[in-house]
Protein backbone atom coordinates (compact mmCIF):
# COMPACT_ATOMS: atom_id res chain seq x y z
CA UNK A 1 131.33 101.43 91.85
CA UNK A 2 128.27 104.02 92.29
CA UNK A 3 127.19 105.16 96.12
CA UNK A 4 123.57 105.92 95.90
CA UNK A 5 121.93 107.30 98.67
CA UNK A 6 118.03 106.49 98.83
CA UNK A 7 116.14 108.43 101.30
CA UNK A 8 111.93 107.51 102.02
CA UNK A 9 109.32 110.56 102.35
CA UNK A 10 107.25 111.05 105.60
CA UNK A 11 104.44 108.98 106.56
CA UNK A 12 102.02 110.45 109.81
CA UNK A 13 99.00 109.83 111.56
CA UNK A 14 96.82 112.40 112.74
CA UNK A 15 97.86 112.23 116.72
CA UNK A 16 101.72 111.07 116.02
CA UNK A 17 104.95 112.79 114.81
CA UNK A 18 106.15 111.84 111.27
CA UNK A 19 107.74 108.16 111.12
CA UNK A 20 110.19 107.82 108.50
CA UNK A 21 110.74 104.23 106.72
CA UNK A 22 114.47 103.29 107.36
CA UNK A 23 117.10 104.83 104.62
CA UNK A 24 118.99 102.81 102.70
CA UNK A 25 122.65 103.44 100.77
CA UNK A 26 122.77 101.53 97.43
CA UNK A 27 126.08 99.91 95.91
CA UNK A 28 126.10 99.41 92.53
CA UNK A 29 129.06 96.81 91.79
CA UNK A 30 131.41 96.08 88.79
CA UNK A 31 129.44 92.86 87.80
CA UNK A 32 125.98 94.47 88.08
CA UNK A 33 124.94 93.42 91.52
CA UNK A 34 122.81 95.65 93.60
CA UNK A 35 123.77 96.05 97.12
CA UNK A 36 121.25 97.94 99.95
CA UNK A 37 122.76 98.76 103.05
CA UNK A 38 120.08 99.52 105.95
CA UNK A 39 121.43 100.61 109.13
CA UNK A 40 119.24 99.92 112.00
CA UNK A 41 120.78 100.89 115.01
CA UNK A 42 120.44 98.39 117.98
CA UNK A 43 119.40 95.45 115.90
CA UNK A 44 121.93 92.99 116.32
CA UNK A 45 120.37 90.67 114.53
CA UNK A 46 121.22 91.24 110.61
CA UNK A 47 118.99 90.14 108.03
CA UNK A 48 120.66 89.83 104.21
CA UNK A 49 117.55 89.30 101.39
CA UNK A 50 118.26 88.53 98.01
CA UNK A 51 115.77 88.86 95.46
CA UNK A 52 116.78 87.09 91.59
CA UNK A 53 115.28 88.56 88.91
CA UNK A 54 114.09 85.14 86.98
CA UNK A 55 110.63 85.23 85.95
CA UNK A 56 108.96 82.22 84.94
CA UNK A 57 108.83 83.50 81.52
CA UNK A 58 111.86 81.64 80.99
CA UNK A 59 110.70 78.67 80.67
CA UNK A 60 109.10 77.24 78.00
CA UNK A 61 105.98 74.44 78.45
CA UNK A 62 108.37 71.81 78.68
CA UNK A 63 110.57 73.06 81.54
CA UNK A 64 107.82 74.52 83.93
CA UNK A 65 109.14 74.03 87.12
CA UNK A 66 112.78 74.42 86.50
CA UNK A 67 112.78 78.42 88.62
CA UNK A 68 111.38 76.22 91.56
CA UNK A 69 113.91 73.63 91.09
CA UNK A 70 116.81 75.78 91.25
CA UNK A 71 115.66 77.69 94.11
CA UNK A 72 115.36 74.60 95.99
CA UNK A 73 118.61 72.99 94.64
CA UNK A 74 120.28 76.21 95.23
CA UNK A 75 120.22 75.72 99.06
CA UNK A 76 120.20 71.75 99.06
CA UNK A 77 123.59 72.37 97.11
CA UNK A 78 125.10 74.71 98.88
CA UNK A 79 128.77 74.54 99.10
CA UNK A 80 128.14 75.23 103.11
CA UNK A 81 126.31 72.17 103.29
CA UNK A 82 128.63 69.93 102.00
CA UNK A 83 131.07 69.58 104.49
CA UNK A 84 130.98 66.86 107.22
CA UNK A 85 129.39 68.08 110.38
CA UNK A 86 127.88 71.56 111.78
CA UNK A 87 128.46 74.22 108.91
CA UNK A 88 129.48 77.19 108.94
CA UNK A 89 126.37 79.07 108.59
CA UNK A 90 124.91 76.60 111.29
CA UNK A 91 128.45 77.30 113.77
CA UNK A 92 127.51 81.14 113.52
CA UNK A 93 123.82 80.44 114.35
CA UNK A 94 122.84 81.74 111.11
CA UNK A 95 120.05 80.71 108.88
CA UNK A 96 119.16 80.58 105.32
CA UNK A 97 115.85 79.45 103.44
CA UNK A 98 114.96 80.13 99.73
CA UNK A 99 111.66 80.89 97.96
CA UNK A 100 109.84 81.06 94.85
CA UNK A 101 107.26 82.96 93.13
CA UNK A 102 106.54 84.01 89.51
CA UNK A 103 108.99 86.38 89.45
CA UNK A 104 112.21 84.36 90.85
CA UNK A 105 113.68 82.97 93.71
CA UNK A 106 114.28 85.14 96.96
CA UNK A 107 116.68 84.34 99.59
CA UNK A 108 116.28 85.31 103.12
CA UNK A 109 118.80 84.66 105.55
CA UNK A 110 119.79 86.14 109.23
CA UNK A 111 122.73 85.52 111.83
CA UNK A 112 124.26 88.20 115.19
CA UNK A 113 125.47 90.94 112.96
CA UNK A 114 128.87 90.53 114.42
CA UNK A 115 129.02 87.65 112.17
CA UNK A 116 127.99 89.09 108.58
CA UNK A 117 130.96 88.65 106.94
CA UNK A 118 130.68 84.77 107.13
CA UNK A 119 127.20 84.84 106.24
CA UNK A 120 128.23 86.62 103.09
CA UNK A 121 131.10 84.30 102.41
CA UNK A 122 128.04 81.56 102.20
CA UNK A 123 125.62 83.58 100.55
CA UNK A 124 128.23 84.50 98.07
CA UNK A 125 128.87 80.76 97.21
CA UNK A 126 125.40 79.88 97.27
CA UNK A 127 124.18 82.18 94.51
CA UNK A 128 127.26 82.34 92.20
CA UNK A 129 128.42 78.97 92.30
CA UNK A 130 125.46 76.90 91.70
CA UNK A 131 126.41 73.42 91.05
CA UNK A 132 123.41 71.30 90.68
CA UNK A 133 123.60 67.48 91.91
CA UNK A 134 121.12 64.33 90.65
CA UNK A 135 120.72 63.78 94.47
CA UNK A 136 118.78 67.60 94.85
CA UNK A 137 116.78 67.04 91.66
CA UNK A 138 115.87 63.65 92.76
CA UNK A 139 114.07 65.01 96.01
CA UNK A 140 112.27 67.70 94.23
CA UNK A 141 110.84 65.40 92.44
CA UNK A 142 109.88 63.20 95.20
CA UNK A 143 108.88 66.51 97.34
CA UNK A 144 106.63 67.67 94.37
CA UNK A 145 104.73 64.18 94.46
CA UNK A 146 104.16 64.47 97.28
CA UNK A 147 102.66 67.85 97.47
CA UNK A 148 100.33 66.80 94.52
CA UNK A 149 99.39 63.69 96.63
CA UNK A 150 98.51 65.59 99.02
CA UNK A 151 96.78 68.88 97.52
CA UNK A 152 93.13 66.45 97.37
CA UNK A 153 93.25 66.32 101.32
CA UNK A 154 94.18 69.75 101.48
CA UNK A 155 91.19 72.12 100.81
CA UNK A 156 93.13 74.98 101.05
CA UNK A 157 95.79 74.07 98.78
CA UNK A 158 93.13 72.80 96.25
CA UNK A 159 90.87 75.62 96.47
CA UNK A 160 93.95 78.00 95.86
CA UNK A 161 94.65 76.19 93.11
CA UNK A 162 91.41 76.35 91.54
CA UNK A 163 90.35 79.66 92.10
CA UNK A 164 93.66 80.57 90.17
CA UNK A 165 92.86 78.69 87.28
CA UNK A 166 89.92 80.41 87.27
CA UNK A 167 90.66 84.18 87.17
CA UNK A 168 93.68 83.96 85.37
CA UNK A 169 93.16 83.05 81.53
CA UNK A 170 94.65 79.25 80.52
CA UNK A 171 97.86 80.73 78.87
CA UNK A 172 98.76 82.83 81.71
CA UNK A 173 101.83 81.57 83.81
CA UNK A 174 100.59 82.48 86.48
CA UNK A 175 97.69 80.79 86.17
CA UNK A 176 99.44 77.29 86.97
CA UNK A 177 101.58 76.25 90.42
CA UNK A 178 104.92 78.04 89.85
CA UNK A 179 106.34 74.27 90.93
CA UNK A 180 105.07 72.99 87.77
CA UNK A 181 102.53 70.00 87.10
CA UNK A 182 103.22 66.44 87.30
CA UNK A 183 103.04 66.05 83.33
CA UNK A 184 105.91 68.65 83.04
CA UNK A 185 108.23 67.21 85.66
CA UNK A 186 107.89 63.67 83.72
CA UNK A 187 109.85 65.35 81.24
CA UNK A 188 112.08 68.14 83.25
CA UNK A 189 116.04 66.90 83.43
CA UNK A 190 118.54 68.15 86.11
CA UNK A 191 120.06 69.66 82.41
CA UNK A 192 117.30 71.77 81.95
CA UNK A 193 117.99 73.18 85.43
CA UNK A 194 121.78 73.71 84.77
CA UNK A 195 121.11 75.42 81.82
CA UNK A 196 118.48 77.83 82.73
CA UNK A 197 120.73 78.68 85.73
CA UNK A 198 123.52 79.28 82.83
CA UNK A 199 121.55 81.27 80.67
CA UNK A 200 119.82 83.04 82.54
CA UNK A 201 121.22 83.63 86.36
CA UNK A 202 123.80 86.21 87.29
CA UNK A 203 125.14 88.77 89.70
CA UNK A 204 123.63 91.79 87.17
CA UNK A 205 119.71 89.82 88.29
CA UNK A 206 120.55 90.06 91.80
CA UNK A 207 119.48 92.66 94.51
CA UNK A 208 121.30 91.84 97.89
CA UNK A 209 119.61 93.92 101.08
CA UNK A 210 121.74 94.01 104.62
CA UNK A 211 119.41 95.29 107.18
CA UNK A 212 120.71 95.84 110.68
CA UNK A 213 122.98 97.23 113.16
CA UNK A 214 125.69 98.28 110.49
CA UNK A 215 128.21 99.92 113.24
CA UNK A 216 129.20 96.29 113.79
CA UNK A 217 131.08 95.33 111.10
CA UNK A 218 131.80 97.43 107.35
CA UNK A 219 129.20 95.54 105.78
CA UNK A 220 130.07 97.92 102.70
CA UNK A 221 133.45 96.76 102.69
CA UNK A 222 132.35 92.74 102.89
CA UNK A 223 130.01 92.85 100.24
CA UNK A 224 131.93 94.56 97.70
CA UNK A 225 134.82 91.66 99.38
CA UNK A 226 132.86 88.63 98.42
CA UNK A 227 130.18 89.53 95.89
CA UNK A 228 132.07 91.89 93.41
CA UNK A 229 134.61 89.64 91.99
CA UNK A 230 132.29 87.19 90.32
CA UNK A 231 131.97 88.19 86.78
CA UNK A 232 128.59 89.26 84.93
CA UNK A 233 128.59 87.29 82.30
CA UNK A 234 126.68 87.13 79.39
CA UNK A 235 123.00 86.42 80.90
CA UNK A 236 120.14 88.80 79.69
CA UNK A 237 116.97 89.74 81.24
CA UNK A 238 114.06 88.29 80.18
CA UNK A 239 110.85 90.32 80.49
CA UNK A 240 107.76 88.92 82.39
CA UNK A 241 104.77 87.96 80.56
CA UNK A 242 102.30 89.82 82.25
CA UNK A 243 98.98 87.63 83.89
CA UNK A 244 95.69 88.22 81.93
CA UNK A 245 92.28 87.59 83.48
CA UNK A 246 90.24 84.88 82.52
CA UNK A 247 87.04 86.11 79.92
CA UNK A 248 84.00 85.68 82.21
CA UNK A 249 83.21 84.00 85.89
CA UNK A 250 83.82 80.82 86.52
CA UNK A 251 82.40 78.18 89.13
CA UNK A 252 85.23 76.10 90.31
CA UNK A 253 83.92 73.07 92.70
CA UNK A 254 85.27 69.28 93.99
CA UNK A 255 83.89 67.75 96.24
CA UNK A 256 87.00 67.21 98.47
CA UNK A 257 86.80 64.91 101.36
CA UNK A 258 83.96 64.92 104.07
CA UNK A 259 84.36 67.05 107.01
CA UNK A 260 83.01 69.76 109.15
CA UNK A 261 84.41 72.49 107.13
CA UNK A 262 83.81 73.53 103.23
CA UNK A 263 86.64 75.76 101.95
CA UNK A 264 85.24 78.84 99.99
CA UNK A 265 87.46 81.24 97.75
CA UNK A 266 85.44 84.23 95.75
CA UNK A 267 87.11 87.38 93.69
CA UNK A 268 88.01 88.47 90.64
CA UNK A 269 91.26 89.85 88.69
CA UNK A 270 92.48 93.14 90.21
CA UNK A 271 95.51 95.46 90.63
CA UNK A 272 98.93 95.72 91.42
CA UNK A 273 100.69 97.88 93.84
CA UNK A 274 101.41 100.74 91.55
CA UNK A 275 97.55 101.16 90.20
CA UNK A 276 96.35 104.76 91.93
CA UNK A 277 93.53 102.79 93.30
CA UNK A 278 96.24 100.53 95.68
CA UNK A 279 95.73 102.50 98.98
CA UNK A 280 91.95 102.16 98.56
CA UNK A 281 92.12 98.69 97.77
CA UNK A 282 93.95 98.20 100.80
CA UNK A 283 92.01 100.17 103.28
CA UNK A 284 88.84 98.30 101.69
CA UNK A 285 89.85 95.16 102.38
CA UNK A 286 91.01 95.61 106.10
CA UNK A 287 87.34 96.73 106.27
CA UNK A 288 85.89 93.92 104.81
CA UNK A 289 87.97 91.30 106.68
CA UNK A 290 90.60 92.36 108.19
CA UNK A 291 90.15 90.51 111.46
CA UNK A 292 87.20 89.73 113.79
CA UNK A 293 85.60 93.26 113.26
CA UNK A 294 85.45 93.08 109.54
CA UNK A 295 82.32 93.54 108.08
CA UNK A 296 82.02 89.97 106.53
CA UNK A 297 83.23 88.13 109.43
CA UNK A 298 80.33 90.41 111.68
CA UNK A 299 78.30 88.61 109.24
CA UNK A 300 79.42 85.41 108.68
CA UNK A 301 81.28 84.89 112.03
CA UNK A 302 79.50 86.79 115.02
CA UNK A 303 76.18 87.03 113.17
CA UNK A 304 75.24 83.70 111.62
CA UNK A 305 77.97 81.36 113.14
CA UNK A 306 78.62 80.24 109.62
CA UNK A 307 82.88 80.46 109.70
CA UNK A 308 85.38 80.65 111.83
CA UNK A 309 86.85 84.13 109.98
CA UNK A 310 86.87 84.51 105.97
CA UNK A 311 90.45 86.66 104.97
CA UNK A 312 89.54 89.34 102.28
CA UNK A 313 93.08 90.82 100.49
CA UNK A 314 93.92 92.43 97.04
CA UNK A 315 96.84 90.34 96.22
CA UNK A 316 99.62 92.40 93.92
CA UNK A 317 101.65 90.33 91.15
CA UNK A 318 104.04 93.05 89.41
CA UNK A 319 101.62 93.84 86.56
CA UNK A 320 97.52 93.26 87.88
CA UNK A 321 96.54 91.01 90.89
CA UNK A 322 93.46 89.16 92.76
CA UNK A 323 90.99 90.46 94.60
CA UNK A 324 89.92 87.56 96.90
CA UNK A 325 87.91 86.79 99.66
CA UNK A 326 88.88 83.08 101.48
CA UNK A 327 87.72 80.90 104.40
CA UNK A 328 86.28 77.71 105.45
CA UNK A 329 82.48 77.84 106.11
CA UNK A 330 79.90 75.14 107.71
CA UNK A 331 79.45 71.74 105.43
CA UNK A 332 76.06 72.37 104.17
CA UNK A 333 75.98 75.78 103.85
CA UNK A 334 78.31 77.01 101.26
CA UNK A 335 75.54 78.85 99.46
CA UNK A 336 74.43 80.49 102.30
CA UNK A 337 77.82 81.85 103.05
CA UNK A 338 78.19 83.09 99.33
CA UNK A 339 74.65 84.49 99.34
CA UNK A 340 76.07 86.67 102.50
CA UNK A 341 79.23 88.13 101.38
CA UNK A 342 77.69 89.13 97.59
CA UNK A 343 74.90 91.07 99.83
CA UNK A 344 77.44 92.89 102.72
CA UNK A 345 79.86 93.06 99.45
CA UNK A 346 77.28 95.00 97.24
CA UNK A 347 76.20 97.30 100.23
CA UNK A 348 79.43 98.12 101.43
CA UNK A 349 80.00 99.10 97.32
CA UNK A 350 76.74 100.94 97.57
CA UNK A 351 76.19 102.75 100.69
CA UNK A 352 80.01 103.26 101.32
CA UNK A 353 81.81 103.08 104.44
CA UNK A 354 80.98 103.97 108.11
CA UNK A 355 83.12 107.10 108.58
CA UNK A 356 83.64 106.23 112.00
CA UNK A 357 84.74 103.09 111.48
CA UNK A 358 86.91 104.01 108.20
CA UNK A 359 88.86 106.31 110.34
CA UNK A 360 89.95 103.94 113.02
CA UNK A 361 90.98 101.57 110.18
CA UNK A 362 92.62 104.09 108.14
CA UNK A 363 94.51 105.44 111.98
CA UNK A 364 95.61 101.93 112.62
CA UNK A 365 97.01 100.71 109.25
CA UNK A 366 99.34 104.11 108.72
CA UNK A 367 99.56 104.12 112.86
CA UNK A 368 100.97 100.78 113.09
CA UNK A 369 103.63 100.68 110.41
CA UNK A 370 106.46 101.37 113.08
CA UNK A 371 105.85 98.20 114.61
CA UNK A 372 105.34 96.51 111.11
CA UNK A 373 108.95 97.89 110.21
CA UNK A 374 110.54 97.13 114.16
CA UNK A 375 112.53 94.40 112.67
CA UNK A 376 115.46 93.81 109.93
CA UNK A 377 113.53 90.94 109.02
CA UNK A 378 110.36 92.98 108.49
CA UNK A 379 112.08 95.93 106.29
CA UNK A 380 114.43 93.59 104.11
CA UNK A 381 111.46 91.56 103.11
CA UNK A 382 109.61 94.72 102.50
CA UNK A 383 112.86 95.63 100.19
CA UNK A 384 113.48 92.25 98.41
CA UNK A 385 109.56 92.31 97.57
CA UNK A 386 109.44 95.54 96.11
CA UNK A 387 112.82 94.80 94.32
CA UNK A 388 111.60 91.80 92.55
CA UNK A 389 108.93 93.93 90.81
CA UNK A 390 111.10 96.63 90.11
CA UNK A 391 109.45 99.15 92.79
CA UNK A 392 111.27 101.86 94.44
CA UNK A 393 111.28 101.49 98.43
CA UNK A 394 110.37 105.06 98.44
CA UNK A 395 106.66 103.30 97.62
CA UNK A 396 106.43 102.22 101.10
CA UNK A 397 106.11 105.87 102.55
CA UNK A 398 104.64 107.26 99.39
CA UNK A 399 102.22 104.24 99.98
CA UNK A 400 101.30 105.01 103.59
CA UNK A 401 100.92 108.85 102.94
CA UNK A 402 98.12 108.35 100.50
CA UNK A 403 96.60 106.08 102.54
CA UNK A 404 96.28 108.52 105.20
CA UNK A 405 95.30 111.44 103.08
CA UNK A 406 92.18 108.73 102.08
CA UNK A 407 88.58 109.78 101.87
CA UNK A 408 85.85 107.57 102.13
CA UNK A 409 84.08 108.89 99.01
CA UNK A 410 87.89 108.27 96.86
CA UNK A 411 87.40 105.00 98.25
CA UNK A 412 83.98 104.05 97.52
CA UNK A 413 84.69 105.12 93.77
CA UNK A 414 87.55 103.20 93.69
CA UNK A 415 86.30 100.29 94.77
CA UNK A 416 83.17 100.46 92.91
CA UNK A 417 85.57 100.50 89.66
CA UNK A 418 87.34 96.70 90.99
CA UNK A 419 84.83 94.82 92.46
CA UNK A 420 81.55 93.76 91.07
CA UNK A 421 79.83 91.29 93.67
CA UNK A 422 77.58 90.14 90.80
CA UNK A 423 80.91 89.04 88.54
CA UNK A 424 82.89 87.31 91.09
CA UNK A 425 84.59 83.80 90.61
CA UNK A 426 83.83 81.31 93.29
CA UNK A 427 85.86 77.88 93.93
CA UNK A 428 84.57 75.45 96.10
CA UNK A 429 85.59 72.21 98.26
CA UNK A 430 83.62 70.33 100.28
CA UNK A 431 79.57 69.80 100.71
CA UNK A 432 78.05 71.71 98.04
CA UNK A 433 75.61 71.21 95.02
CA UNK A 434 75.94 73.63 92.23
CA UNK A 435 73.17 72.65 90.03
CA UNK A 436 70.66 73.22 92.60
CA UNK A 437 72.26 76.59 93.97
CA UNK A 438 71.91 80.27 92.76
CA UNK A 439 74.83 79.80 91.25
CA UNK A 440 74.02 77.23 88.39
CA UNK A 441 73.92 79.89 85.95
CA UNK A 442 77.96 80.30 86.29
CA UNK A 443 80.15 78.49 83.96
CA UNK A 444 81.43 75.57 85.09
CA UNK A 445 85.36 74.66 84.86
């Protein structure tokens, strides 16, 4: 196996000494598995994170939801949960959770650093000895049915679904829920999940990150001990299909349930982390809606009193992404809120950011980085997110350096190329009349 030392670059604020993202060592096991070891002295709770490169591109239209089902069943059918009484994982004070996006499953686990060997043993069995059962498959179906039934009563979930369907081309798998739909689950079988695991999952598609105080245990030897003996298998890499934008802006509206709030989302197709405009996008999002002092929140929450807060983000996929503004506004005032958001956004793009506010946000984003990555959990989560998109962890310091070096003029130029306030998709769940609003001209879907 090969040992590679990864070293991050340097990021600094104007008022602090250079700060470095924690260094890591990489083990390339014989079976193709990648293991990253991040020693963080004094972090006595260790975190193990796993990225399984299994994009939903492996699903055909009849098996959508199979990757999400495998993600859930991998944990519910884990060997350590089959024994009677308290499991070994619980006995050592450890936790394991699984999650899934369109790039595949992610596993996050933690335990006292001295108990890493027993946690790694449990994870190895869970990841590499998958034995699905009818019971857990039926539990997946019931959970999905419950989520779909609640969706019409959850304005946030419904608005998210409508917004994705609006901004992304219908043929794009990213436009549909990663968990599948009622239609696909009516034909999805346990055999589909088992076949997907057998055909597409193997150690060569897994990246394991171990972060914490590694002076307490020989994490490298333990990783080799528990993971290296599993055979590589014949699984091939399936390339992901990049999400594509919809042809034109659309208006999505559902009446939802009556209440004092209407859910509102506005945005467009955008960029991923590797686009050179990404630092500008991140700073712009903070300026517009990074908190109560964000420009949109000053208007909607502070001056007009229409909202408790609007969240503004650029959300990256592995290729492309979304620009979105999301929040709840007072019922009966959705049109006023939409008009106000567009006005603030247009002024920000045309006039550029206030120089003093820009400097404050810029310094905060870089200066808070040590706190952001203070825990083993935060570091492991950053690594696993980047690993799922096949981005080197040195990206963190590179990004912070670019944020620090960003000039207001560059942000203004970049944002103008990314967002047109008159070409935004809009999703509304709640009290709203699209026929009489200023959005009546928009395509309805």
